[in-house]
Protein backbone atom coordinates (compact mmCIF):
# COMPACT_ATOMS: atom_id res chain seq x y z
CA MET A 1 25.22 7.32 -18.48
CA ALA A 2 25.02 5.77 -15.04
CA THR A 3 27.97 3.67 -13.93
CA ALA A 4 27.83 0.08 -12.67
CA ALA A 5 28.47 1.37 -9.15
CA GLU A 6 25.52 3.75 -9.44
CA ALA A 7 23.25 0.96 -10.68
CA ASP A 8 24.29 -1.23 -7.75
CA ALA A 9 23.68 1.69 -5.40
CA MET A 10 20.19 2.22 -6.84
CA ARG A 11 19.32 -1.44 -6.31
CA ARG A 12 20.41 -1.01 -2.71
CA ALA A 13 18.35 2.19 -2.41
CA VAL A 14 15.22 0.39 -3.64
CA VAL A 15 15.74 -2.28 -0.99
CA LEU A 16 16.25 0.38 1.70
CA ALA A 17 13.08 2.22 0.68
CA ALA A 18 11.01 -0.96 1.04
CA ARG A 19 11.93 -1.20 4.73
CA ALA A 20 9.46 1.57 5.50
CA LEU A 21 6.45 0.32 3.53
CA GLY A 22 3.38 0.98 5.64
CA ALA A 23 5.13 3.52 7.87
CA THR A 24 5.57 6.73 5.84
CA SER A 25 2.12 7.81 4.62
CA PRO A 26 1.17 10.31 3.44
CA ASN A 27 4.80 10.49 2.31
CA PRO A 28 6.49 8.15 -0.18
CA VAL A 29 9.03 5.48 0.65
CA VAL A 30 12.50 6.65 -0.43
CA GLY A 31 15.97 5.15 -0.22
CA CYS A 32 19.30 6.92 -0.76
CA VAL A 33 22.91 5.80 -1.09
CA ILE A 34 25.87 8.23 -1.10
CA LEU A 35 28.93 7.24 -3.12
CA ASP A 36 32.17 9.08 -2.36
CA ALA A 37 34.35 10.59 -5.06
CA SER A 38 35.97 7.22 -5.72
CA GLY A 39 32.63 5.47 -6.16
CA GLU A 40 32.60 3.65 -2.82
CA ILE A 41 29.55 3.62 -0.57
CA ALA A 42 29.97 6.34 2.05
CA GLY A 43 26.49 6.39 3.58
CA GLU A 44 22.93 5.22 3.13
CA GLY A 45 19.49 5.83 4.59
CA TYR A 46 15.77 5.72 4.02
CA HIS A 47 12.73 7.77 4.97
CA GLN A 48 11.29 6.18 8.10
CA GLY A 49 8.10 8.13 8.75
CA ALA A 50 6.19 11.32 8.02
CA GLY A 51 7.75 14.29 9.78
CA THR A 52 11.11 12.55 10.18
CA PRO A 53 14.31 13.25 8.18
CA HIS A 54 14.20 12.27 4.53
CA ALA A 55 16.35 9.52 3.05
CA GLU A 56 18.94 12.00 1.76
CA ALA A 57 19.40 13.50 5.23
CA HIS A 58 20.05 10.09 6.79
CA ALA A 59 22.50 9.15 4.04
CA LEU A 60 24.36 12.48 4.19
CA ARG A 61 24.68 12.20 7.96
CA ALA A 62 26.16 8.73 7.60
CA ALA A 63 28.55 9.84 4.85
CA ALA A 64 29.72 12.98 6.69
CA GLY A 65 32.71 14.58 4.93
CA ARG A 66 32.96 11.81 2.36
CA ALA A 67 29.86 13.20 0.62
CA ARG A 68 31.82 16.17 -0.83
CA GLY A 69 32.52 15.53 -4.49
CA GLY A 70 30.43 12.37 -4.37
CA THR A 71 27.20 11.10 -5.88
CA ALA A 72 23.77 10.78 -4.31
CA VAL A 73 21.74 7.87 -5.67
CA VAL A 74 18.09 8.18 -4.66
CA THR A 75 14.87 6.41 -5.64
CA LEU A 76 12.81 9.62 -5.91
CA GLU A 77 13.74 13.08 -7.17
CA PRO A 78 15.02 15.10 -4.17
CA CYS A 79 12.32 17.41 -2.86
CA ASP A 80 12.54 21.17 -3.25
CA HIS A 81 10.15 22.40 -0.58
CA THR A 82 10.17 23.16 3.11
CA GLY A 83 7.60 21.28 5.16
CA ARG A 84 8.26 19.57 8.46
CA THR A 85 11.78 19.05 7.12
CA GLY A 86 13.95 21.19 4.85
CA PRO A 87 14.43 20.75 1.09
CA CYS A 88 16.68 17.83 0.21
CA SER A 89 17.98 19.64 -2.87
CA GLN A 90 19.55 22.32 -0.69
CA ALA A 91 20.94 19.74 1.75
CA LEU A 92 22.70 17.93 -1.11
CA ILE A 93 24.14 21.19 -2.44
CA ALA A 94 25.36 22.22 1.01
CA ALA A 95 27.06 18.84 1.48
CA GLY A 96 29.08 19.34 -1.71
CA ILE A 97 27.46 16.56 -3.73
CA SER A 98 28.62 16.85 -7.33
CA ARG A 99 26.20 14.39 -8.97
CA VAL A 100 22.68 13.16 -8.26
CA VAL A 101 21.14 10.09 -9.89
CA TYR A 102 17.45 9.46 -9.21
CA ALA A 103 14.94 6.89 -10.46
CA VAL A 104 11.51 8.56 -10.48
CA GLY A 105 10.55 12.19 -10.89
CA ASP A 106 8.49 13.62 -8.03
CA PRO A 107 4.88 14.07 -9.26
CA ASN A 108 3.83 16.01 -6.16
CA PRO A 109 3.44 19.64 -7.30
CA ASP A 110 4.31 20.86 -3.80
CA ALA A 111 7.66 19.06 -3.73
CA THR A 112 8.88 18.77 -7.31
CA GLY A 113 11.65 20.95 -8.75
CA GLY A 114 14.63 19.49 -6.91
CA ALA A 115 16.35 18.39 -10.12
CA ARG A 116 16.09 21.89 -11.55
CA THR A 117 17.50 23.48 -8.39
CA LEU A 118 20.39 21.03 -8.35
CA ARG A 119 21.25 21.68 -11.99
CA GLU A 120 21.11 25.44 -11.45
CA ALA A 121 23.65 24.98 -8.64
CA GLY A 122 26.03 23.16 -11.00
CA VAL A 123 25.23 19.62 -9.86
CA ASP A 124 25.22 16.94 -12.56
CA VAL A 125 21.78 15.26 -12.52
CA GLU A 126 20.62 12.07 -14.22
CA ALA A 127 17.07 10.71 -14.06
CA GLY A 128 15.45 7.36 -14.76
CA LEU A 129 17.95 4.82 -13.45
CA LEU A 130 16.04 1.60 -12.58
CA GLU A 131 12.81 3.58 -12.79
CA ASP A 132 10.54 0.54 -13.09
CA ALA A 133 11.89 -1.05 -9.91
CA ALA A 134 11.59 2.18 -7.96
CA ARG A 135 8.06 2.80 -9.26
CA ALA A 136 6.98 -0.68 -8.23
CA GLY A 137 8.22 -0.08 -4.70
CA ASN A 138 6.36 3.22 -4.48
CA ALA A 139 3.24 2.13 -6.39
CA ALA A 140 0.76 3.07 -3.66
CA TRP A 141 2.05 6.59 -3.13
CA LEU A 142 2.46 7.33 -6.84
CA HIS A 143 -1.09 6.10 -7.46
CA SER A 144 -2.49 8.24 -4.65
CA VAL A 145 -0.81 11.38 -5.98
CA LYS A 146 -2.21 10.75 -9.47
CA TYR A 147 -5.76 9.72 -8.56
CA GLY A 148 -6.35 11.26 -5.13
CA ARG A 149 -7.40 7.96 -3.54
CA PRO A 150 -5.62 5.05 -1.85
CA TYR A 151 -4.11 2.18 -3.80
CA VAL A 152 -6.18 -0.96 -3.15
CA THR A 153 -4.84 -4.50 -3.04
CA TRP A 154 -7.49 -7.22 -2.88
CA LYS A 155 -6.18 -10.32 -1.13
CA TYR A 156 -8.01 -13.62 -1.04
CA ALA A 157 -7.26 -17.30 -0.42
CA ALA A 158 -9.08 -20.00 -2.35
CA THR A 159 -8.98 -23.60 -3.45
CA LEU A 160 -7.91 -24.50 -6.98
CA ASP A 161 -11.60 -24.59 -7.93
CA GLY A 162 -12.09 -21.05 -6.61
CA ARG A 163 -13.87 -21.74 -3.31
CA ILE A 164 -13.15 -19.65 -0.23
CA ALA A 165 -15.13 -21.91 2.09
CA ALA A 166 -16.88 -25.26 2.07
CA ALA A 167 -20.61 -25.68 1.52
CA ASP A 168 -21.15 -25.58 5.30
CA ARG A 169 -19.23 -22.26 5.37
CA THR A 170 -16.20 -23.68 7.20
CA SER A 171 -13.07 -21.98 5.89
CA ARG A 172 -10.20 -22.41 8.36
CA TRP A 173 -7.74 -23.13 7.04
CA ILE A 174 -7.78 -23.23 3.25
CA SER A 175 -4.33 -21.71 2.83
CA SER A 176 -1.11 -22.85 4.49
CA PRO A 177 0.68 -21.37 7.52
CA GLU A 178 3.27 -19.99 5.11
CA SER A 179 0.61 -18.12 3.14
CA ARG A 180 -0.98 -16.78 6.30
CA ALA A 181 2.41 -15.49 7.44
CA ASP A 182 2.83 -13.79 4.07
CA VAL A 183 -0.51 -12.02 4.58
CA HIS A 184 0.89 -10.47 7.75
CA ARG A 185 3.70 -9.05 5.62
CA LEU A 186 1.06 -7.52 3.32
CA ARG A 187 -0.72 -6.03 6.32
CA ALA A 188 2.54 -4.55 7.59
CA GLU A 189 3.07 -2.86 4.22
CA SER A 190 -0.42 -1.33 4.20
CA ASP A 191 -1.89 1.72 5.90
CA ALA A 192 -5.31 0.13 6.39
CA VAL A 193 -6.91 -3.32 6.33
CA VAL A 194 -10.57 -3.45 5.29
CA VAL A 195 -13.20 -6.17 5.77
CA GLY A 196 -16.97 -6.26 5.52
CA SER A 197 -19.75 -7.34 7.82
CA GLY A 198 -19.89 -10.87 6.40
CA THR A 199 -16.25 -11.54 7.22
CA GLN A 200 -16.69 -9.90 10.61
CA ARG A 201 -19.60 -12.16 11.52
CA ALA A 202 -18.07 -15.35 10.10
CA ASP A 203 -14.47 -15.03 11.31
CA ASP A 204 -14.28 -12.35 14.03
CA PRO A 205 -10.90 -11.36 12.51
CA HIS A 206 -8.19 -9.52 14.43
CA LEU A 207 -6.69 -7.78 11.36
CA ALA A 208 -3.51 -6.74 13.19
CA VAL A 209 0.04 -7.62 12.13
CA ARG A 210 1.76 -10.50 13.88
CA GLY A 211 5.26 -11.86 13.42
CA VAL A 212 6.70 -8.87 11.52
CA GLU A 213 9.38 -7.12 13.55
CA GLY A 214 9.02 -3.34 13.79
CA ALA A 215 5.70 -3.27 11.90
CA VAL A 216 3.47 -0.22 12.21
CA GLN A 217 -0.03 -1.53 12.84
CA PRO A 218 -2.45 -0.60 10.05
CA LEU A 219 -5.80 1.05 10.64
CA ARG A 220 -8.42 -1.71 10.98
CA VAL A 221 -11.61 -0.90 9.08
CA VAL A 222 -14.87 -2.88 9.26
CA VAL A 223 -17.57 -1.91 6.78
CA ASP A 224 -20.64 -2.67 8.90
CA THR A 225 -23.35 -0.83 6.99
CA GLU A 226 -26.23 -1.68 9.33
CA ALA A 227 -24.13 -1.68 12.54
CA ARG A 228 -24.99 -5.29 13.30
CA ALA A 229 -21.70 -7.19 12.85
CA VAL A 230 -19.21 -5.60 15.27
CA ARG A 231 -20.39 -6.56 18.74
CA PRO A 232 -18.89 -6.08 22.22
CA GLY A 233 -15.90 -8.37 22.65
CA ALA A 234 -15.00 -8.36 18.94
CA ARG A 235 -11.30 -8.97 18.39
CA VAL A 236 -10.96 -5.81 16.29
CA ALA A 237 -12.04 -3.79 19.33
CA ASP A 238 -8.88 -4.51 21.34
CA ASP A 239 -6.08 -1.97 21.76
CA THR A 240 -3.56 -3.61 19.42
CA ALA A 241 -4.35 -1.12 16.67
CA GLU A 242 -6.85 1.62 15.90
CA THR A 243 -10.19 0.44 14.53
CA VAL A 244 -12.89 2.28 12.58
CA VAL A 245 -16.37 0.90 12.02
CA VAL A 246 -18.02 2.30 8.89
CA VAL A 247 -21.82 2.52 8.96
CA ALA A 248 -24.52 4.06 6.80
CA ASP A 249 -25.00 7.73 7.62
CA ASP A 250 -28.78 7.38 7.80
CA LEU A 251 -28.88 4.98 10.77
CA GLU A 252 -30.71 5.97 13.92
CA PRO A 253 -28.35 6.85 16.81
CA ASP A 254 -29.64 4.00 18.99
CA ARG A 255 -28.37 1.53 16.40
CA LEU A 256 -24.82 2.72 17.15
CA ALA A 257 -24.99 2.46 20.92
CA GLU A 258 -23.38 -0.98 21.20
CA LEU A 259 -20.55 -0.47 18.75
CA PRO A 260 -17.37 -1.18 20.77
CA ALA A 261 -14.74 0.48 18.59
CA GLY A 262 -15.13 4.19 19.24
CA GLU A 263 -16.87 6.80 17.09
CA PRO A 264 -18.10 5.18 13.84
CA TRP A 265 -17.73 6.75 10.44
CA GLY A 266 -21.12 7.53 8.90
CA LEU A 267 -20.84 7.40 5.11
CA PRO A 268 -23.45 7.44 2.33
CA ARG A 269 -24.90 4.23 0.99
CA ALA A 270 -24.10 2.99 -2.48
CA ALA A 271 -26.45 4.18 -5.22
CA ASP A 272 -28.20 0.80 -5.30
CA GLY A 273 -28.74 0.93 -1.54
CA ARG A 274 -26.56 -2.10 -0.90
CA GLY A 275 -23.57 -1.37 1.28
CA ILE A 276 -21.44 1.75 1.56
CA ASP A 277 -20.46 3.95 -1.37
CA ILE A 278 -16.93 2.77 -2.16
CA PRO A 279 -15.59 6.09 -3.55
CA ALA A 280 -16.83 7.82 -0.38
CA LEU A 281 -15.05 5.23 1.76
CA LEU A 282 -11.79 5.67 -0.14
CA ALA A 283 -12.09 9.45 0.07
CA ALA A 284 -12.53 9.25 3.85
CA LEU A 285 -9.50 6.97 4.14
CA TYR A 286 -7.43 9.32 1.97
CA GLU A 287 -8.33 12.20 4.29
CA ARG A 288 -6.91 10.09 7.13
CA ASP A 289 -3.56 9.88 5.26
CA VAL A 290 -4.22 6.30 4.15
CA ARG A 291 -2.42 5.71 0.86
CA SER A 292 -2.50 1.89 0.69
CA VAL A 293 -5.43 -0.40 1.50
CA LEU A 294 -5.39 -4.17 1.90
CA LEU A 295 -8.89 -5.42 1.16
CA GLU A 296 -9.46 -8.69 3.00
CA GLY A 297 -13.22 -8.61 2.78
CA GLY A 298 -15.36 -11.46 1.51
CA PRO A 299 -16.96 -11.83 -1.92
CA THR A 300 -19.66 -9.17 -1.45
CA LEU A 301 -17.31 -6.34 -0.47
CA ALA A 302 -14.76 -7.45 -3.06
CA GLY A 303 -17.47 -7.32 -5.71
CA ALA A 304 -18.40 -3.80 -4.66
CA PHE A 305 -14.79 -2.65 -4.96
CA VAL A 306 -14.41 -4.28 -8.39
CA ALA A 307 -17.69 -2.74 -9.56
CA ALA A 308 -16.41 0.67 -8.46
CA GLY A 309 -13.17 0.22 -10.42
CA ALA A 310 -11.30 0.42 -7.14
CA VAL A 311 -9.10 -2.69 -7.16
CA ASP A 312 -5.57 -1.86 -8.29
CA ARG A 313 -3.84 -5.15 -7.52
CA VAL A 314 -5.03 -8.69 -6.84
CA ILE A 315 -3.09 -11.19 -4.77
CA GLY A 316 -4.57 -14.66 -4.70
CA TYR A 317 -3.29 -17.56 -2.62
CA LEU A 318 -4.37 -20.76 -4.35
CA ALA A 319 -4.25 -23.89 -2.21
CA PRO A 320 -3.96 -27.38 -3.74
CA VAL A 321 -7.43 -28.28 -2.48
CA LEU A 322 -10.73 -29.07 -4.20
CA LEU A 323 -14.16 -28.53 -2.65
CA GLY A 324 -16.62 -28.56 -5.54
CA ALA A 325 -19.15 -26.40 -3.67
CA GLY A 326 -19.20 -23.37 -1.43
CA PRO A 327 -18.87 -19.60 -1.88
CA THR A 328 -16.51 -18.20 -4.48
CA ALA A 329 -13.98 -15.41 -3.98
CA LEU A 330 -15.93 -12.76 -5.89
CA ALA A 331 -19.65 -12.00 -5.82
CA ASP A 332 -21.60 -9.67 -8.10
CA ALA A 333 -19.20 -7.09 -9.50
CA GLY A 334 -21.53 -5.50 -12.03
CA ILE A 335 -20.10 -7.59 -14.88
CA THR A 336 -22.80 -9.20 -17.04
CA THR A 337 -20.95 -10.12 -20.23
CA ILE A 338 -17.51 -11.46 -21.08
CA ALA A 339 -16.73 -8.29 -23.01
CA ASP A 340 -16.86 -6.33 -19.75
CA ALA A 341 -14.64 -8.73 -17.79
CA LEU A 342 -11.93 -7.13 -15.67
CA ARG A 343 -8.86 -8.56 -17.34
CA LEU A 344 -5.63 -8.83 -15.42
CA ASP A 345 -1.94 -8.89 -16.23
CA VAL A 346 -0.13 -11.47 -14.08
CA THR A 347 3.01 -9.79 -12.76
CA GLU A 348 4.31 -12.50 -10.44
CA THR A 349 3.78 -16.13 -9.47
CA GLU A 350 5.51 -17.71 -6.49
CA ARG A 351 5.23 -20.85 -4.41
CA ILE A 352 4.42 -20.06 -0.77
CA GLY A 353 4.71 -23.32 1.10
CA PRO A 354 2.34 -25.71 -0.74
CA ASP A 355 0.29 -22.82 -2.17
CA LEU A 356 0.68 -20.69 -5.27
CA ARG A 357 0.60 -16.92 -4.85
CA ILE A 358 -0.48 -15.03 -7.96
CA THR A 359 -0.12 -11.26 -8.23
CA ALA A 360 -1.95 -9.43 -11.01
CA VAL A 361 -3.00 -5.91 -11.95
CA PRO A 362 -5.94 -4.72 -14.07
CA THR A 363 -5.26 -4.03 -17.72
CA THR A 364 -8.65 -2.83 -18.97
CA ARG A 365 -8.97 0.74 -20.16
CA ALA A 366 -12.15 1.32 -18.15
CA HIS A 367 -10.34 0.57 -14.91
CA LYS A 368 -7.37 2.79 -15.73
CA GLU A 369 -9.66 5.71 -16.45
CA ARG A 370 -11.36 5.56 -13.02
C-alpha cells in the first residue's frame, strides 16, 4: 500500500506534469518526484518537450545521491525503450531506486514494459496510485494512443439562451475578460487551434496564445474549404505561430494563389460535399504530431465535428446575457431525433468572472465506439 508521503508526492507529480501541457506532443506529459530513504522529497521534475530528458531523468538529477534506496513516484509507468532518450527503467535501476510507484500504465506498445523490467531487477513496484487524476491530466495523449487521432475539445461562448451572436451578427463580447483569458490557457494547453471559414470571415481571429508565460504557440488551422475566407492581411497569417489553411483537394490551382499562409493542405470533401472530411483532417493533424485540438469554430464546423463523433470534451462559457435571437452554438450535427442526442456528463462547473464555465464529456455509446 502506498504511504501518505507517496500520495502527497503523486499529487505533486500530477501538478508538475501539467506544466508542460501543449509542449510535449507526440509524447505524454509526465511528472516525477523522488523520495529519499526517509520519505523526504529529494528531487522532482517533469517532461518538458519531445526529444528532451524524461521526468524521471530530471528528478534523478535533482536528487543526486539521495535517490539510492529511495522511491520514485511518477504519473506514468517508466518507459522501457530507447528512442531519442534512454529507457527510464534502466536509469532508475542505475540510480539505486528501491521502489517505484506509478499512476497509469503506459499503453504505448513501443514504450511499455518498464514495470516488468524494474521488478525483474528487484525493485518494488506499485501501480494505480491516484490513477484518475493522472489520467485526467494526460487525457489527450492517452486518447490519441487508443484511437489514433487527436483529442478534440470544442470551446464556445454563449448567452444563457444559447446565442453566440445577436441577430445582426455582432458578437464581441458575449463572454467576460476573465473567460477570454481562460481561453488563452486552453490554447496554451493544446497542440492546434481550429476554426472554420465562417469564423474567419466574421472575426478575423488571431488564434495565438496571449498572456500565458512560457506558452508554446499552437498550430493555427483554418478550414477554408473553398479558399475564400483567408485573405492577404489576415491576422492568422502573421509570424506569431505557424498557420495551415485547409482547402478541398479538388480546387483549381488558381484558387489558391492568394492564400497568404504558406502551402495549403488539400483534403477530401465530406461525403455530403459540404466542408472537409473531418476524419481526414484529424488524420492529417495526427501525422503532424498534433495530439490535442481546441475547436473554436462556429456552429457549422462544430456541427460537422459532432456529426463525425469527433468531439471528446465540451467547454462552454455561459454569460449572464439574454438575446432572444441570433445564431446558436451548434448547427446541424446529423441528429434528427431525441433518441440520437449526444448526451454529456458534466465533469466540472466553475465561475469565471461573471460567467459560468461548464465542462462536459460525451457519454453515449455511439460516440465512444468511434
